[in-house]
C-alpha atoms as a PDB file:
ATOM      1  CA  UNK A   1     118.692  82.623 122.381  1.00  0.00           C
ATOM      2  CA  UNK A   2     121.131  85.310 120.960  1.00  0.00           C
ATOM      3  CA  UNK A   3     118.721  88.085 122.345  1.00  0.00           C
ATOM      4  CA  UNK A   4     118.999  89.922 118.700  1.00  0.00           C
ATOM      5  CA  UNK A   5     117.899  86.846 117.162  1.00  0.00           C
ATOM      6  CA  UNK A   6     114.936  86.556 119.705  1.00  0.00           C
ATOM      7  CA  UNK A   7     113.435  90.230 118.305  1.00  0.00           C
ATOM      8  CA  UNK A   8     113.650  88.842 114.819  1.00  0.00           C
ATOM      9  CA  UNK A   9     112.147  86.062 115.983  1.00  0.00           C
ATOM     10  CA  UNK A  10     108.988  88.380 117.523  1.00  0.00           C
ATOM     11  CA  UNK A  11     108.721  90.776 115.091  1.00  0.00           C
ATOM     12  CA  UNK A  12     107.939  87.845 112.516  1.00  0.00           C
ATOM     13  CA  UNK A  13     105.403  86.924 115.192  1.00  0.00           C
ATOM     14  CA  UNK A  14     104.114  89.978 115.365  1.00  0.00           C
ATOM     15  CA  UNK A  15     104.028  90.122 111.557  1.00  0.00           C
ATOM     16  CA  UNK A  16     102.302  86.829 110.474  1.00  0.00           C
ATOM     17  CA  UNK A  17     100.584  85.732 113.521  1.00  0.00           C
ATOM     18  CA  UNK A  18      99.615  89.391 115.420  1.00  0.00           C
ATOM     19  CA  UNK A  19      98.901  90.628 112.066  1.00  0.00           C
ATOM     20  CA  UNK A  20     100.409  94.133 112.818  1.00  0.00           C
ATOM     21  CA  UNK A  21     101.206  96.537 110.453  1.00  0.00           C
ATOM     22  CA  UNK A  22     104.648  97.333 108.567  1.00  0.00           C
ATOM     23  CA  UNK A  23     104.565 100.419 110.606  1.00  0.00           C
ATOM     24  CA  UNK A  24     103.994  99.318 113.581  1.00  0.00           C
ATOM     25  CA  UNK A  25     106.707  96.229 113.326  1.00  0.00           C
ATOM     26  CA  UNK A  26     108.512  98.848 112.068  1.00  0.00           C
ATOM     27  CA  UNK A  27     108.775 100.705 116.093  1.00  0.00           C
ATOM     28  CA  UNK A  28     109.271  97.591 117.778  1.00  0.00           C
ATOM     29  CA  UNK A  29     112.149  97.440 115.924  1.00  0.00           C
ATOM     30  CA  UNK A  30     113.189 100.797 116.405  1.00  0.00           C
ATOM     31  CA  UNK A  31     112.768 100.391 120.876  1.00  0.00           C
ATOM     32  CA  UNK A  32     114.030  96.709 120.546  1.00  0.00           C
ATOM     33  CA  UNK A  33     116.907  97.026 118.348  1.00  0.00           C
ATOM     34  CA  UNK A  34     118.086  99.580 120.914  1.00  0.00           C
ATOM     35  CA  UNK A  35     117.545  97.613 123.536  1.00  0.00           C
ATOM     36  CA  UNK A  36     119.879  94.903 122.141  1.00  0.00           C
ATOM     37  CA  UNK A  37     122.196  97.430 121.406  1.00  0.00           C
ATOM     38  CA  UNK A  38     122.336  99.016 125.610  1.00  0.00           C
ATOM     39  CA  UNK A  39     122.125  95.470 126.914  1.00  0.00           C
ATOM     40  CA  UNK A  40     125.354  94.474 124.165  1.00  0.00           C
ATOM     41  CA  UNK A  41     127.214  97.096 125.715  1.00  0.00           C
ATOM     42  CA  UNK A  42     126.641  95.649 129.570  1.00  0.00           C
ATOM     43  CA  UNK A  43     127.806  92.128 127.599  1.00  0.00           C
ATOM     44  CA  UNK A  44     124.093  90.772 128.057  1.00  0.00           C
ATOM     45  CA  UNK A  45     123.802  89.112 124.610  1.00  0.00           C
ATOM     46  CA  UNK A  46     121.355  86.132 125.589  1.00  0.00           C
ATOM     47  CA  UNK A  47     118.132  86.731 126.076  1.00  0.00           C
ATOM     48  CA  UNK A  48     117.677  85.511 129.214  1.00  0.00           C
ATOM     49  CA  UNK A  49     120.308  88.234 130.257  1.00  0.00           C
ATOM     50  CA  UNK A  50     117.297  90.669 130.133  1.00  0.00           C
ATOM     51  CA  UNK A  51     116.129  91.748 133.657  1.00  0.00           C
ATOM     52  CA  UNK A  52     113.951  93.876 134.687  1.00  0.00           C
ATOM     53  CA  UNK A  53     117.417  95.827 136.511  1.00  0.00           C
ATOM     54  CA  UNK A  54     118.627  96.220 132.929  1.00  0.00           C
ATOM     55  CA  UNK A  55     114.976  97.021 132.018  1.00  0.00           C
ATOM     56  CA  UNK A  56     114.974 100.020 134.010  1.00  0.00           C
ATOM     57  CA  UNK A  57     118.427 101.245 133.740  1.00  0.00           C
ATOM     58  CA  UNK A  58     117.339 101.398 129.918  1.00  0.00           C
ATOM     59  CA  UNK A  59     114.679 103.847 131.097  1.00  0.00           C
ATOM     60  CA  UNK A  60     116.403 106.004 132.976  1.00  0.00           C
ATOM     61  CA  UNK A  61     119.227 106.372 130.899  1.00  0.00           C
ATOM     62  CA  UNK A  62     116.853 107.751 128.185  1.00  0.00           C
ATOM     63  CA  UNK A  63     114.661 109.806 130.914  1.00  0.00           C
ATOM     64  CA  UNK A  64     117.980 111.549 131.182  1.00  0.00           C
ATOM     65  CA  UNK A  65     119.192 111.870 127.644  1.00  0.00           C
ATOM     66  CA  UNK A  66     115.257 113.928 127.800  1.00  0.00           C
ATOM     67  CA  UNK A  67     113.517 111.502 125.651  1.00  0.00           C
ATOM     68  CA  UNK A  68     109.438 112.486 126.049  1.00  0.00           C
ATOM     69  CA  UNK A  69     107.513 110.520 128.545  1.00  0.00           C
ATOM     70  CA  UNK A  70     105.653 109.091 124.828  1.00  0.00           C
ATOM     71  CA  UNK A  71     108.816 107.804 123.860  1.00  0.00           C
ATOM     72  CA  UNK A  72     109.702 106.548 127.289  1.00  0.00           C
ATOM     73  CA  UNK A  73     106.222 104.925 127.459  1.00  0.00           C
ATOM     74  CA  UNK A  74     106.505 103.191 124.071  1.00  0.00           C
ATOM     75  CA  UNK A  75     109.954 101.877 125.176  1.00  0.00           C
ATOM     76  CA  UNK A  76     108.461 100.062 128.316  1.00  0.00           C
ATOM     77  CA  UNK A  77     105.500  98.796 126.458  1.00  0.00           C
ATOM     78  CA  UNK A  78     107.959  97.639 123.544  1.00  0.00           C
ATOM     79  CA  UNK A  79     109.940  95.344 126.179  1.00  0.00           C
ATOM     80  CA  UNK A  80     107.116  94.616 128.002  1.00  0.00           C
ATOM     81  CA  UNK A  81     105.423  92.605 125.045  1.00  0.00           C
ATOM     82  CA  UNK A  82     108.616  90.907 123.856  1.00  0.00           C
ATOM     83  CA  UNK A  83     109.446  89.822 127.584  1.00  0.00           C
ATOM     84  CA  UNK A  84     105.987  88.439 127.739  1.00  0.00           C
ATOM     85  CA  UNK A  85     106.218  86.764 124.750  1.00  0.00           C
ATOM     86  CA  UNK A  86     109.816  85.480 125.509  1.00  0.00           C
ATOM     87  CA  UNK A  87     108.280  83.396 128.449  1.00  0.00           C
ATOM     88  CA  UNK A  88     105.281  81.923 126.761  1.00  0.00           C
ATOM     89  CA  UNK A  89     107.941  80.735 123.789  1.00  0.00           C
ATOM     90  CA  UNK A  90     110.649  78.873 126.641  1.00  0.00           C
ATOM     91  CA  UNK A  91     113.193  81.578 126.158  1.00  0.00           C
ATOM     92  CA  UNK A  92     113.065  83.051 128.805  1.00  0.00           C
ATOM     93  CA  UNK A  93     112.418  81.209 132.371  1.00  0.00           C
ATOM     94  CA  UNK A  94     110.360  84.176 133.647  1.00  0.00           C
ATOM     95  CA  UNK A  95     108.845  87.583 132.088  1.00  0.00           C
ATOM     96  CA  UNK A  96     111.206  90.715 133.742  1.00  0.00           C
ATOM     97  CA  UNK A  97     109.189  92.692 132.102  1.00  0.00           C
ATOM     98  CA  UNK A  98     105.750  92.186 134.065  1.00  0.00           C
ATOM     99  CA  UNK A  99     106.459  94.769 136.659  1.00  0.00           C
ATOM    100  CA  UNK A 100     108.068  97.452 134.546  1.00  0.00           C
ATOM    101  CA  UNK A 101     106.335 100.264 135.021  1.00  0.00           C
ATOM    102  CA  UNK A 102     105.274 102.660 132.126  1.00  0.00           C
ATOM    103  CA  UNK A 103     105.850 106.212 132.265  1.00  0.00           C
ATOM    104  CA  UNK A 104     102.619 108.327 132.557  1.00  0.00           C
ATOM    105  CA  UNK A 105     103.309 110.557 129.210  1.00  0.00           C
ATOM    106  CA  UNK A 106     101.484 113.543 128.632  1.00  0.00           C
ATOM    107  CA  UNK A 107      98.967 114.898 127.214  1.00  0.00           C
ATOM    108  CA  UNK A 108      99.172 117.995 125.285  1.00  0.00           C
ATOM    109  CA  UNK A 109      96.372 119.171 122.806  1.00  0.00           C
ATOM    110  CA  UNK A 110      96.751 118.536 119.405  1.00  0.00           C
ATOM    111  CA  UNK A 111      97.393 121.441 116.701  1.00  0.00           C
ATOM    112  CA  UNK A 112      93.762 122.349 115.243  1.00  0.00           C
ATOM    113  CA  UNK A 113      92.779 124.778 111.974  1.00  0.00           C
ATOM    114  CA  UNK A 114      90.569 126.884 112.283  1.00  0.00           C
ATOM    115  CA  UNK A 115      87.735 127.209 109.952  1.00  0.00           C
ATOM    116  CA  UNK A 116      88.662 130.020 108.597  1.00  0.00           C
ATOM    117  CA  UNK A 117      91.956 128.847 107.803  1.00  0.00           C
ATOM    118  CA  UNK A 118      90.872 125.928 106.803  1.00  0.00           C
ATOM    119  CA  UNK A 119      88.768 127.651 104.347  1.00  0.00           C
ATOM    120  CA  UNK A 120      91.807 129.601 103.271  1.00  0.00           C
ATOM    121  CA  UNK A 121      94.051 126.560 102.339  1.00  0.00           C
ATOM    122  CA  UNK A 122      91.839 125.173 100.202  1.00  0.00           C
ATOM    123  CA  UNK A 123      91.061 127.910  97.889  1.00  0.00           C
ATOM    124  CA  UNK A 124      94.866 128.033  97.501  1.00  0.00           C
ATOM    125  CA  UNK A 125      95.283 124.703  96.495  1.00  0.00           C
ATOM    126  CA  UNK A 126      91.862 125.210  94.641  1.00  0.00           C
ATOM    127  CA  UNK A 127      93.758 128.019  92.615  1.00  0.00           C
ATOM    128  CA  UNK A 128      96.971 126.230  91.835  1.00  0.00           C
ATOM    129  CA  UNK A 129      94.504 123.450  90.754  1.00  0.00           C
ATOM    130  CA  UNK A 130      92.582 125.206  88.776  1.00  0.00           C
ATOM    131  CA  UNK A 131      95.578 126.252  86.303  1.00  0.00           C
ATOM    132  CA  UNK A 132      95.383 122.330  85.139  1.00  0.00           C
ATOM    133  CA  UNK A 133      99.039 120.798  86.737  1.00  0.00           C
ATOM    134  CA  UNK A 134      97.981 116.843  87.139  1.00  0.00           C
ATOM    135  CA  UNK A 135     100.071 117.393  90.794  1.00  0.00           C
ATOM    136  CA  UNK A 136      98.817 120.578  91.696  1.00  0.00           C
ATOM    137  CA  UNK A 137      94.857 118.753  90.822  1.00  0.00           C
ATOM    138  CA  UNK A 138      95.842 115.562  92.669  1.00  0.00           C
ATOM    139  CA  UNK A 139      97.604 117.927  96.211  1.00  0.00           C
ATOM    140  CA  UNK A 140      93.435 119.105  96.377  1.00  0.00           C
ATOM    141  CA  UNK A 141      91.955 115.915  96.398  1.00  0.00           C
ATOM    142  CA  UNK A 142      94.978 114.281  98.662  1.00  0.00           C
ATOM    143  CA  UNK A 143      93.991 117.559 101.347  1.00  0.00           C
ATOM    144  CA  UNK A 144      90.180 117.571 100.605  1.00  0.00           C
ATOM    145  CA  UNK A 145      90.049 113.749 101.217  1.00  0.00           C
ATOM    146  CA  UNK A 146      92.301 114.096 104.418  1.00  0.00           C
ATOM    147  CA  UNK A 147      90.252 116.855 105.791  1.00  0.00           C
ATOM    148  CA  UNK A 148      86.615 115.432 105.068  1.00  0.00           C
ATOM    149  CA  UNK A 149      87.186 111.951 106.033  1.00  0.00           C
ATOM    150  CA  UNK A 150      90.485 111.996 108.731  1.00  0.00           C
ATOM    151  CA  UNK A 151      91.650 108.810 107.335  1.00  0.00           C
ATOM    152  CA  UNK A 152      95.592 108.530 108.809  1.00  0.00           C
ATOM    153  CA  UNK A 153      98.178 109.268 105.906  1.00  0.00           C
ATOM    154  CA  UNK A 154      99.072 105.693 106.172  1.00  0.00           C
ATOM    155  CA  UNK A 155      94.984 104.818 104.976  1.00  0.00           C
ATOM    156  CA  UNK A 156      94.468 107.885 102.466  1.00  0.00           C
ATOM    157  CA  UNK A 157      97.900 106.497 100.025  1.00  0.00           C
ATOM    158  CA  UNK A 158      97.006 103.275 100.687  1.00  0.00           C
ATOM    159  CA  UNK A 159      93.682 103.795  99.217  1.00  0.00           C
ATOM    160  CA  UNK A 160      92.755 101.901  95.309  1.00  0.00           C
ATOM    161  CA  UNK A 161      89.917 103.439  93.261  1.00  0.00           C
ATOM    162  CA  UNK A 162      87.842 100.892  94.095  1.00  0.00           C
ATOM    163  CA  UNK A 163      87.453 101.703  97.759  1.00  0.00           C
ATOM    164  CA  UNK A 164      86.384 105.092  97.033  1.00  0.00           C
ATOM    165  CA  UNK A 165      81.865 104.963  96.009  1.00  0.00           C
ATOM    166  CA  UNK A 166      81.609 108.413  94.984  1.00  0.00           C
ATOM    167  CA  UNK A 167      78.148 107.866  94.017  1.00  0.00           C
ATOM    168  CA  UNK A 168      77.677 107.139  98.095  1.00  0.00           C
ATOM    169  CA  UNK A 169      80.256 109.203  99.006  1.00  0.00           C
ATOM    170  CA  UNK A 170      81.727 106.809 100.841  1.00  0.00           C
ATOM    171  CA  UNK A 171      85.264 104.805 101.551  1.00  0.00           C
ATOM    172  CA  UNK A 172      86.193 101.871 102.287  1.00  0.00           C
ATOM    173  CA  UNK A 173      89.741 101.400 104.559  1.00  0.00           C
ATOM    174  CA  UNK A 174      91.614  99.677 106.237  1.00  0.00           C
ATOM    175  CA  UNK A 175      93.034 101.044 108.755  1.00  0.00           C
ATOM    176  CA  UNK A 176      95.491  99.636 112.413  1.00  0.00           C
ATOM    177  CA  UNK A 177      95.367  95.815 113.533  1.00  0.00           C
ATOM    178  CA  UNK A 178      93.478  95.393 109.848  1.00  0.00           C
ATOM    179  CA  UNK A 179      90.103  96.342 110.840  1.00  0.00           C
ATOM    180  CA  UNK A 180      87.990  97.699 107.918  1.00  0.00           C
ATOM    181  CA  UNK A 181      85.932 100.516 108.032  1.00  0.00           C
ATOM    182  CA  UNK A 182      83.452 102.664 105.860  1.00  0.00           C
ATOM    183  CA  UNK A 183      84.180 106.410 105.990  1.00  0.00           C
ATOM    184  CA  UNK A 184      81.854 109.287 104.259  1.00  0.00           C
ATOM    185  CA  UNK A 185      83.077 112.405 102.896  1.00  0.00           C
ATOM    186  CA  UNK A 186      81.527 115.371 101.256  1.00  0.00           C
ATOM    187  CA  UNK A 187      81.002 117.146  97.686  1.00  0.00           C
ATOM    188  CA  UNK A 188      83.880 118.812  97.716  1.00  0.00           C
ATOM    189  CA  UNK A 189      86.188 116.137  98.255  1.00  0.00           C
ATOM    190  CA  UNK A 190      83.843 114.598  96.034  1.00  0.00           C
ATOM    191  CA  UNK A 191      84.162 116.646  93.106  1.00  0.00           C
ATOM    192  CA  UNK A 192      88.256 117.298  93.601  1.00  0.00           C
ATOM    193  CA  UNK A 193      88.729 113.336  93.540  1.00  0.00           C
ATOM    194  CA  UNK A 194      85.807 113.431  90.449  1.00  0.00           C
ATOM    195  CA  UNK A 195      88.109 115.688  88.893  1.00  0.00           C
ATOM    196  CA  UNK A 196      92.017 114.125  89.281  1.00  0.00           C
ATOM    197  CA  UNK A 197      90.581 111.161  87.770  1.00  0.00           C
ATOM    198  CA  UNK A 198      88.950 112.901  84.967  1.00  0.00           C
ATOM    199  CA  UNK A 199      91.840 115.134  84.269  1.00  0.00           C
ATOM    200  CA  UNK A 200      95.131 114.135  86.537  1.00  0.00           C
ATOM    201  CA  UNK A 201      95.844 110.685  87.500  1.00  0.00           C
ATOM    202  CA  UNK A 202      95.963 109.485  83.655  1.00  0.00           C
ATOM    203  CA  UNK A 203      98.199 112.319  83.331  1.00  0.00           C
ATOM    204  CA  UNK A 204     100.158 110.718  86.002  1.00  0.00           C
ATOM    205  CA  UNK A 205      99.592 106.928  85.257  1.00  0.00           C
ATOM    206  CA  UNK A 206     101.137 107.609  81.501  1.00  0.00           C
ATOM    207  CA  UNK A 207     104.641 109.097  83.145  1.00  0.00           C
ATOM    208  CA  UNK A 208     107.450 106.510  82.654  1.00  0.00           C
ATOM    209  CA  UNK A 209     108.117 103.759  85.539  1.00  0.00           C
ATOM    210  CA  UNK A 210     110.874 104.425  87.555  1.00  0.00           C
ATOM    211  CA  UNK A 211     114.102 101.308  87.337  1.00  0.00           C
ATOM    212  CA  UNK A 212     113.393  99.843  90.607  1.00  0.00           C
ATOM    213  CA  UNK A 213     109.859  99.599  91.205  1.00  0.00           C
ATOM    214  CA  UNK A 214     106.979  98.454  89.081  1.00  0.00           C
ATOM    215  CA  UNK A 215     103.402 100.736  88.510  1.00  0.00           C
ATOM    216  CA  UNK A 216     100.499 100.649  90.667  1.00  0.00           C
ATOM    217  CA  UNK A 217      97.263 100.955  87.674  1.00  0.00           C
ATOM    218  CA  UNK A 218      94.658 100.298  90.791  1.00  0.00           C
ATOM    219  CA  UNK A 219      95.811 102.895  93.623  1.00  0.00           C
ATOM    220  CA  UNK A 220      93.925 105.343  93.966  1.00  0.00           C
ATOM    221  CA  UNK A 221      96.291 108.411  94.451  1.00  0.00           C
ATOM    222  CA  UNK A 222      99.602 107.976  92.704  1.00  0.00           C
ATOM    223  CA  UNK A 223     102.696 109.737  92.467  1.00  0.00           C
ATOM    224  CA  UNK A 224     105.077 111.306  89.329  1.00  0.00           C
ATOM    225  CA  UNK A 225     106.531 107.810  89.030  1.00  0.00           C
ATOM    226  CA  UNK A 226     103.144 105.850  88.177  1.00  0.00           C
ATOM    227  CA  UNK A 227     103.381 104.105  91.704  1.00  0.00           C
ATOM    228  CA  UNK A 228     101.024 104.771  95.298  1.00  0.00           C
ATOM    229  CA  UNK A 229     101.632 108.335  96.665  1.00  0.00           C
ATOM    230  CA  UNK A 230     104.313 107.799  99.478  1.00  0.00           C
ATOM    231  CA  UNK A 231     103.667 108.951 102.861  1.00  0.00           C
ATOM    232  CA  UNK A 232     107.093 110.757 102.896  1.00  0.00           C
ATOM    233  CA  UNK A 233     105.187 113.070 100.139  1.00  0.00           C
ATOM    234  CA  UNK A 234     102.362 113.720 101.574  1.00  0.00           C
ATOM    235  CA  UNK A 235     103.817 114.368 104.726  1.00  0.00           C
ATOM    236  CA  UNK A 236     105.801 117.202 102.329  1.00  0.00           C
ATOM    237  CA  UNK A 237     102.572 118.920 100.975  1.00  0.00           C
ATOM    238  CA  UNK A 238     100.896 118.893 104.756  1.00  0.00           C
ATOM    239  CA  UNK A 239     104.000 120.226 106.021  1.00  0.00           C
ATOM    240  CA  UNK A 240     104.362 123.104 103.694  1.00  0.00           C
ATOM    241  CA  UNK A 241     100.849 124.218 103.196  1.00  0.00           C
ATOM    242  CA  UNK A 242     100.229 124.429 106.673  1.00  0.00           C
ATOM    243  CA  UNK A 243     103.728 126.364 107.743  1.00  0.00           C
ATOM    244  CA  UNK A 244     101.896 129.180 105.918  1.00  0.00           C
ATOM    245  CA  UNK A 245      99.139 128.867 108.577  1.00  0.00           C
ATOM    246  CA  UNK A 246      99.889 130.886 111.739  1.00  0.00           C
ATOM    247  CA  UNK A 247      99.542 128.351 114.749  1.00  0.00           C
ATOM    248  CA  UNK A 248     102.509 126.464 116.678  1.00  0.00           C
ATOM    249  CA  UNK A 249     102.218 122.361 117.084  1.00  0.00           C
ATOM    250  CA  UNK A 250     103.294 119.745 114.601  1.00  0.00           C
ATOM    251  CA  UNK A 251     103.019 120.521 110.694  1.00  0.00           C
ATOM    252  CA  UNK A 252     101.650 116.617 109.253  1.00  0.00           C
ATOM    253  CA  UNK A 253      98.455 115.531 108.079  1.00  0.00           C
ATOM    254  CA  UNK A 254      97.813 114.419 111.619  1.00  0.00           C
ATOM    255  CA  UNK A 255      96.786 117.976 111.908  1.00  0.00           C
ATOM    256  CA  UNK A 256      94.422 118.135 109.395  1.00  0.00           C
ATOM    257  CA  UNK A 257      92.629 114.860 110.946  1.00  0.00           C
ATOM    258  CA  UNK A 258      92.347 116.671 114.416  1.00  0.00           C
ATOM    259  CA  UNK A 259      91.124 119.437 112.580  1.00  0.00           C
ATOM    260  CA  UNK A 260      88.734 117.352 111.428  1.00  0.00           C
ATOM    261  CA  UNK A 261      87.980 115.937 114.726  1.00  0.00           C
ATOM    262  CA  UNK A 262      87.371 118.464 116.122  1.00  0.00           C
ATOM    263  CA  UNK A 263      84.977 120.446 113.631  1.00  0.00           C
ATOM    264  CA  UNK A 264      82.712 117.694 114.044  1.00  0.00           C
ATOM    265  CA  UNK A 265      82.131 118.147 117.698  1.00  0.00           C
ATOM    266  CA  UNK A 266      82.175 121.946 117.374  1.00  0.00           C
ATOM    267  CA  UNK A 267      79.861 121.168 115.145  1.00  0.00           C
ATOM    268  CA  UNK A 268      77.494 118.927 117.963  1.00  0.00           C
ATOM    269  CA  UNK A 269      78.463 115.639 116.326  1.00  0.00           C
ATOM    270  CA  UNK A 270      78.743 112.318 118.894  1.00  0.00           C
ATOM    271  CA  UNK A 271      81.512 111.268 120.700  1.00  0.00           C
ATOM    272  CA  UNK A 272      80.634 107.789 119.277  1.00  0.00           C
ATOM    273  CA  UNK A 273      79.821 109.078 116.137  1.00  0.00           C
ATOM    274  CA  UNK A 274      83.035 110.630 115.301  1.00  0.00           C
ATOM    275  CA  UNK A 275      84.939 107.055 117.319  1.00  0.00           C
ATOM    276  CA  UNK A 276      83.892 105.116 114.795  1.00  0.00           C
ATOM    277  CA  UNK A 277      84.898 107.418 111.839  1.00  0.00           C
ATOM    278  CA  UNK A 278      88.235 107.857 113.042  1.00  0.00           C
ATOM    279  CA  UNK A 279      88.521 104.233 113.714  1.00  0.00           C
ATOM    280  CA  UNK A 280      89.628 104.423 117.634  1.00  0.00           C
ATOM    281  CA  UNK A 281      89.334 101.574 119.340  1.00  0.00           C
ATOM    282  CA  UNK A 282      88.899 103.342 122.784  1.00  0.00           C
ATOM    283  CA  UNK A 283      86.597 106.932 123.119  1.00  0.00           C
ATOM    284  CA  UNK A 284      89.554 107.937 125.762  1.00  0.00           C
ATOM    285  CA  UNK A 285      91.580 108.573 122.913  1.00  0.00           C
ATOM    286  CA  UNK A 286      88.940 110.493 121.260  1.00  0.00           C
ATOM    287  CA  UNK A 287      88.183 112.154 124.226  1.00  0.00           C
ATOM    288  CA  UNK A 288      91.073 114.434 123.783  1.00  0.00           C
ATOM    289  CA  UNK A 289      89.346 116.801 120.688  1.00  0.00           C
ATOM    290  CA  UNK A 290      86.727 117.483 123.216  1.00  0.00           C
ATOM    291  CA  UNK A 291      89.445 118.942 125.475  1.00  0.00           C
ATOM    292  CA  UNK A 292      90.128 120.447 122.057  1.00  0.00           C
ATOM    293  CA  UNK A 293      87.221 122.286 121.875  1.00  0.00           C
ATOM    294  CA  UNK A 294      86.796 123.621 125.626  1.00  0.00           C
ATOM    295  CA  UNK A 295      89.911 125.134 125.142  1.00  0.00           C
ATOM    296  CA  UNK A 296      88.310 126.898 122.269  1.00  0.00           C
ATOM    297  CA  UNK A 297      85.996 128.088 123.761  1.00  0.00           C
ATOM    298  CA  UNK A 298      87.784 129.185 126.897  1.00  0.00           C
ATOM    299  CA  UNK A 299      89.894 131.293 124.216  1.00  0.00           C
ATOM    300  CA  UNK A 300      86.807 132.383 122.637  1.00  0.00           C
ATOM    301  CA  UNK A 301      85.427 133.804 126.042  1.00  0.00           C
ATOM    302  CA  UNK A 302      88.436 135.216 126.826  1.00  0.00           C
ATOM    303  CA  UNK A 303      88.623 137.296 123.450  1.00  0.00           C
ATOM    304  CA  UNK A 304      85.095 138.228 124.049  1.00  0.00           C
ATOM    305  CA  UNK A 305      83.956 138.586 127.206  1.00  0.00           C
ATOM    306  CA  UNK A 306      84.503 142.035 128.440  1.00  0.00           C
ATOM    307  CA  UNK A 307      85.038 140.768 132.014  1.00  0.00           C
ATOM    308  CA  UNK A 308      87.238 137.917 130.768  1.00  0.00           C
END
């Protein structure tokens, strides 16, 4: 079987049978397409030509190119999943990736916005929204909801109006692996969403539709042409806001998710409760925020204690 054809079949399996999200399937496609190109350059075009030596060389070349350990770990996981599936389906007599070691990714602490900075950021959005501009009113609701609920950006843009219960202050979310959870949010986010639904969404819903797209009447957050607000638009919005906030690290929507989780733990929330809110399968993933809180405590100690 041709390697490229086997990869296409594997990706179809991940999507149709395993129910993986389009984002996850794209990540697998990127890794495995790069593997196929690497193999083709070494005249290995058949699925059975993917040997352990070839996989190790692929990772080694990536290491020499300066790829991050997290990227190498993801590539290794993609390759091992593919070769395991290949063996199960008879595409290869043995699993060449079963002994492929995964480089341990270095753990870096996520960027967290402090409470004062977060308040200033939200106040600046509120001032802009006060003018009645529909996109500005929507942007305030988007950021309030991201910070209040800790949703992933893909989860936020995937919300329909019916997913939000404004009376109970909860939102129903379909997360990774098509798993559903109910997440609470606060009164400020409620007020922002109510105002968006009242004054801004009708304006956005009345805009002309792009000739190459259809309107999405059920979507909670709309873009400029009656379509569901996109992930890139939210990234641009949050990156522009966080670019004005002092500090290092990523400036995307995930920083607001990190911030929400850390502020909850700083306020005394239980780690397992935060795990449920974020939709983490493993408690170990959530524990990174305990390290963030500890680092913030150390920084406060060093700044405040006379003999620190």
